[in-house]
Amino acid sequence: MRAIAGLADAALRFALPPRCPGCGTIAAGPHQFCLDCWTAMRFLGAPQCARCGEPFEIDPGKGAECGACLAEPPAYDAMRAALIYGPIARALALKLKYGRRPGIARTVAIQMRRHLPAGDDWLIAPVPLHRWRIWSRGYNQSALIARTLAEDGRQTLALDLIERVRATPPLRSQGPVARAKTVRGAFAIRDRGRVKGRKILLIDDVYTTGATADACARALKKAGASRVELLCWARVVRDDDPAR
């Protein structure tokens, strides 16, 4: 049976070879990027702000925070992203969100896994969409990513932990202040007893100004969460922020 399955897989790969998620050229395997796209992506890691994940040019030492976080600390305790928001990261985010390509969720989750926090006592919760947007889009892209990240069973998946109780207009054309005002009070916790004393890992696709994540984190902290961290596919760095 394994031999037959192997032959069938080989035939399928020959007829429908795996494609690079970024540009569509033939790739070495599923969810693998071609060399050009891989080298074009800007991966994130140390040195970076211990709170918001903004990259530092020079390492200021462990636990250092950027000036923006020191001046106005966000509600979440830490944020990490796999990539800086550039052409490849943007292309995948748009395919996942608007191109009806749910399989991209696994592609981005594979790169996000290296930033999963240590320990097995986390609740993984996606940033929610309002029900009207889910009905029009067909799915919540953050929930698809969260489900893939939780497949190893180390953390507990909580897809319905946070509810978007108020529909909000698209944030793309809004600046940081307007974004924060738009999402204020838009989120609620379904089961406060489930949150109290727990560590929550929020999952989202793209981090721009952090307004949505901050609003979710505030609701979670108000419900008694002991720690809230955010994990995203890509983040806009301040020098590249289109909202600034």
Protein backbone atom coordinates (compact mmCIF):
# COMPACT_ATOMS: atom_id res chain seq x y z
CA MET A 1 0.00 0.00 0.00
CA ARG A 2 2.86 2.40 0.82
CA ALA A 3 4.46 1.70 -2.55
CA ILE A 4 1.19 2.42 -4.34
CA ALA A 5 0.71 5.61 -2.32
CA GLY A 6 4.26 6.68 -3.15
CA LEU A 7 3.70 6.12 -6.87
CA ALA A 8 0.44 8.05 -6.74
CA ASP A 9 2.16 10.93 -4.96
CA ALA A 10 4.99 10.95 -7.50
CA ALA A 11 2.48 10.98 -10.37
CA LEU A 12 0.59 13.85 -8.76
CA ARG A 13 3.79 15.84 -8.29
CA PHE A 14 4.68 15.26 -11.93
CA ALA A 15 1.26 16.38 -13.15
CA LEU A 16 0.85 19.18 -10.59
CA PRO A 17 4.32 20.10 -9.30
CA PRO A 18 4.49 22.19 -6.11
CA ARG A 19 4.71 25.90 -6.72
CA CYS A 20 6.49 28.66 -4.86
CA PRO A 21 3.87 30.46 -2.73
CA GLY A 22 5.46 33.79 -3.59
CA CYS A 23 5.86 33.79 -7.38
CA GLY A 24 4.33 30.52 -8.60
CA THR A 25 7.45 28.97 -10.12
CA ILE A 26 8.06 25.26 -9.58
CA ALA A 27 9.48 24.65 -6.08
CA ALA A 28 11.23 21.78 -4.31
CA GLY A 29 8.17 20.87 -2.28
CA PRO A 30 4.82 22.04 -0.90
CA HIS A 31 4.96 25.33 1.03
CA GLN A 32 8.59 25.85 -0.02
CA PHE A 33 9.79 29.07 -1.63
CA CYS A 34 12.05 29.41 -4.64
CA LEU A 35 15.52 30.79 -4.04
CA ASP A 36 14.68 34.26 -5.36
CA CYS A 37 11.63 34.67 -3.08
CA TRP A 38 13.44 33.15 -0.09
CA THR A 39 16.36 35.57 -0.37
CA ALA A 40 13.98 38.50 -0.89
CA MET A 41 12.14 37.87 2.38
CA ARG A 42 13.37 39.80 5.43
CA PHE A 43 13.16 37.49 8.43
CA LEU A 44 12.85 38.93 11.92
CA GLY A 45 14.81 38.02 15.02
CA ALA A 46 17.17 39.51 17.58
CA PRO A 47 18.02 42.26 18.13
CA GLN A 48 14.51 43.62 18.51
CA CYS A 49 12.27 45.39 21.03
CA ALA A 50 11.34 42.98 23.81
CA ARG A 51 7.78 44.32 23.74
CA CYS A 52 6.66 45.13 20.18
CA GLY A 53 9.33 43.30 18.18
CA GLU A 54 10.50 46.39 16.29
CA PRO A 55 13.98 45.51 14.94
CA PHE A 56 17.01 47.30 16.37
CA GLU A 57 20.00 48.24 14.25
CA ILE A 58 22.31 47.75 17.25
CA ASP A 59 21.74 45.25 20.08
CA PRO A 60 20.98 47.28 23.23
CA GLY A 61 20.88 44.18 25.43
CA LYS A 62 18.36 41.61 26.59
CA GLY A 63 14.96 42.98 27.58
CA ALA A 64 15.44 46.39 25.98
CA GLU A 65 12.34 48.15 24.68
CA CYS A 66 12.02 50.75 21.95
CA GLY A 67 11.21 54.36 22.74
CA ALA A 68 7.59 54.04 21.60
CA CYS A 69 6.91 51.15 23.99
CA LEU A 70 8.64 52.92 26.87
CA ALA A 71 6.59 56.06 26.26
CA GLU A 72 3.26 54.28 25.77
CA PRO A 73 3.40 50.54 26.61
CA PRO A 74 0.94 48.42 24.59
CA ALA A 75 -1.51 46.17 26.40
CA TYR A 76 0.19 43.00 25.15
CA ASP A 77 3.38 41.78 26.85
CA ALA A 78 5.33 40.75 23.75
CA MET A 79 4.91 40.59 19.99
CA ARG A 80 6.80 38.57 17.39
CA ALA A 81 6.48 38.22 13.62
CA ALA A 82 8.17 35.93 11.13
CA LEU A 83 8.90 38.60 8.51
CA ILE A 84 9.12 42.30 7.86
CA TYR A 85 6.15 43.30 5.71
CA GLY A 86 7.60 43.42 2.20
CA PRO A 87 6.55 42.36 -1.31
CA ILE A 88 6.59 38.58 -0.66
CA ALA A 89 4.98 38.81 2.78
CA ARG A 90 2.35 41.14 1.36
CA ALA A 91 1.62 38.85 -1.60
CA LEU A 92 0.95 35.87 0.69
CA ALA A 93 -1.16 37.92 3.09
CA LEU A 94 -3.34 39.15 0.23
CA LYS A 95 -3.68 35.65 -1.27
CA LEU A 96 -4.78 34.31 2.11
CA LYS A 97 -7.09 37.15 3.03
CA TYR A 98 -8.69 38.10 -0.30
CA GLY A 99 -7.59 35.49 -2.84
CA ARG A 100 -9.53 32.58 -1.32
CA ARG A 101 -6.31 30.60 -0.85
CA PRO A 102 -6.77 29.04 2.62
CA GLY A 103 -3.84 26.70 2.04
CA ILE A 104 -1.52 29.71 2.44
CA ALA A 105 -2.32 29.56 6.17
CA ARG A 106 -0.10 26.48 6.49
CA THR A 107 2.67 28.13 4.47
CA VAL A 108 2.86 31.11 6.82
CA ALA A 109 2.36 29.02 9.97
CA ILE A 110 5.44 26.96 9.09
CA GLN A 111 7.56 30.12 9.25
CA MET A 112 5.80 31.41 12.38
CA ARG A 113 6.44 28.25 14.42
CA ARG A 114 9.98 29.24 15.36
CA HIS A 115 8.53 32.13 17.36
CA LEU A 116 6.10 30.05 19.42
CA PRO A 117 6.65 30.71 23.15
CA ALA A 118 8.08 27.95 25.28
CA GLY A 119 5.79 25.82 27.43
CA ASP A 120 2.52 24.00 26.88
CA ASP A 121 0.23 26.10 29.06
CA TRP A 122 -0.79 28.67 26.44
CA LEU A 123 -4.21 29.26 24.96
CA ILE A 124 -3.92 30.03 21.22
CA ALA A 125 -6.61 32.47 20.13
CA PRO A 126 -7.01 34.17 16.74
CA VAL A 127 -7.85 37.83 16.36
CA PRO A 128 -11.54 37.52 15.42
CA LEU A 129 -13.44 38.88 12.46
CA HIS A 130 -16.97 40.19 12.70
CA ARG A 131 -19.54 37.62 11.56
CA TRP A 132 -20.50 39.73 8.53
CA ARG A 133 -16.91 39.66 7.27
CA ILE A 134 -16.62 35.91 7.83
CA TRP A 135 -19.79 35.35 5.84
CA SER A 136 -18.49 37.44 2.94
CA ARG A 137 -14.93 36.03 2.99
CA GLY A 138 -15.77 32.45 3.96
CA TYR A 139 -13.22 32.11 6.76
CA ASN A 140 -11.08 33.97 9.28
CA GLN A 141 -7.48 33.79 8.03
CA SER A 142 -6.10 34.21 11.57
CA ALA A 143 -8.17 31.24 12.75
CA LEU A 144 -6.75 29.07 9.96
CA ILE A 145 -3.21 30.00 11.01
CA ALA A 146 -4.00 29.39 14.69
CA ARG A 147 -5.44 25.96 13.93
CA THR A 148 -2.27 24.95 12.07
CA LEU A 149 0.00 26.23 14.84
CA ALA A 150 -1.91 24.20 17.43
CA GLU A 151 -1.73 20.93 15.49
CA ASP A 152 1.15 19.55 17.57
CA GLY A 153 -1.14 19.59 20.62
CA ARG A 154 1.31 21.43 22.90
CA GLN A 155 -0.98 24.43 23.26
CA THR A 156 -4.75 24.59 23.58
CA LEU A 157 -6.66 26.05 20.65
CA ALA A 158 -9.41 28.50 21.62
CA LEU A 159 -10.96 29.67 18.35
CA ASP A 160 -13.96 31.37 19.97
CA LEU A 161 -12.21 32.92 22.96
CA ILE A 162 -12.54 36.49 21.67
CA GLU A 163 -15.62 37.89 19.94
CA ARG A 164 -15.77 40.88 17.66
CA VAL A 165 -18.98 42.45 18.92
CA ARG A 166 -18.96 45.47 16.64
CA ALA A 167 -18.29 45.68 12.92
CA THR A 168 -15.57 48.18 12.05
CA PRO A 169 -14.60 49.77 8.73
CA PRO A 170 -11.35 48.67 7.04
CA LEU A 171 -8.29 50.11 8.77
CA ARG A 172 -6.00 50.23 5.73
CA SER A 173 -6.44 53.94 5.00
CA GLN A 174 -6.47 55.08 8.65
CA GLY A 175 -3.58 56.42 10.70
CA PRO A 176 -2.54 55.05 14.12
CA VAL A 177 -4.81 57.33 16.19
CA ALA A 178 -7.85 56.70 13.98
CA ARG A 179 -7.22 52.94 14.03
CA ALA A 180 -7.10 52.85 17.82
CA LYS A 181 -10.35 54.82 18.04
CA THR A 182 -12.06 52.60 15.45
CA VAL A 183 -11.39 49.31 17.27
CA ARG A 184 -11.91 50.61 20.83
CA GLY A 185 -14.58 48.47 22.50
CA ALA A 186 -14.94 46.22 19.45
CA PHE A 187 -13.88 43.02 21.25
CA ALA A 188 -15.31 40.99 24.12
CA ILE A 189 -14.34 37.76 25.91
CA ARG A 190 -16.87 34.95 25.62
CA ASP A 191 -15.81 33.03 28.75
CA ARG A 192 -13.96 35.13 31.32
CA GLY A 193 -13.45 32.11 33.57
CA ARG A 194 -11.46 30.43 30.82
CA VAL A 195 -9.12 33.42 30.58
CA LYS A 196 -8.48 34.25 34.22
CA GLY A 197 -4.90 33.47 35.21
CA ARG A 198 -4.03 32.04 31.77
CA LYS A 199 -1.36 32.93 29.21
CA ILE A 200 -2.84 33.82 25.83
CA LEU A 201 -1.10 33.75 22.46
CA LEU A 202 -2.94 35.99 19.99
CA ILE A 203 -2.59 35.06 16.32
CA ASP A 204 -2.94 37.54 13.44
CA ASP A 205 -1.70 37.75 9.87
CA VAL A 206 -0.27 41.29 9.62
CA TYR A 207 0.74 43.80 12.28
CA THR A 208 0.61 47.41 11.12
CA THR A 209 0.10 49.87 13.98
CA GLY A 210 -0.94 47.29 16.57
CA ALA A 211 -4.32 48.89 17.24
CA THR A 212 -6.34 45.70 16.75
CA ALA A 213 -3.94 43.56 18.79
CA ASP A 214 -3.87 46.15 21.54
CA ALA A 215 -7.68 46.23 21.73
CA CYS A 216 -7.82 42.42 21.96
CA ALA A 217 -5.07 42.36 24.60
CA ARG A 218 -6.89 44.97 26.70
CA ALA A 219 -10.05 42.85 26.67
CA LEU A 220 -8.04 39.76 27.67
CA LYS A 221 -6.18 41.56 30.46
CA LYS A 222 -9.46 43.00 31.75
CA ALA A 223 -10.80 39.42 31.88
CA GLY A 224 -7.84 38.37 34.02
CA ALA A 225 -5.26 36.97 31.58
CA SER A 226 -1.85 36.73 33.26
CA ARG A 227 0.09 37.34 30.04
CA VAL A 228 -0.80 38.15 26.44
CA GLU A 229 1.62 37.72 23.55
CA LEU A 230 1.03 38.30 19.84
CA LEU A 231 2.38 36.24 16.95
CA CYS A 232 2.00 37.37 13.33
CA TRP A 233 3.10 36.38 9.86
CA ALA A 234 4.52 39.82 9.05
CA ARG A 235 4.87 43.23 10.63
CA VAL A 236 5.31 46.71 9.25
CA VAL A 237 8.43 48.36 10.62
CA ARG A 238 8.08 52.01 11.50
CA ASP A 239 10.22 53.38 8.67
CA ASP A 240 8.03 51.51 6.19
CA ASP A 241 4.65 52.11 7.88
CA PRO A 242 2.14 53.24 5.18
CA ALA A 243 -0.07 54.76 7.90
CA ARG A 244 2.64 57.22 8.98
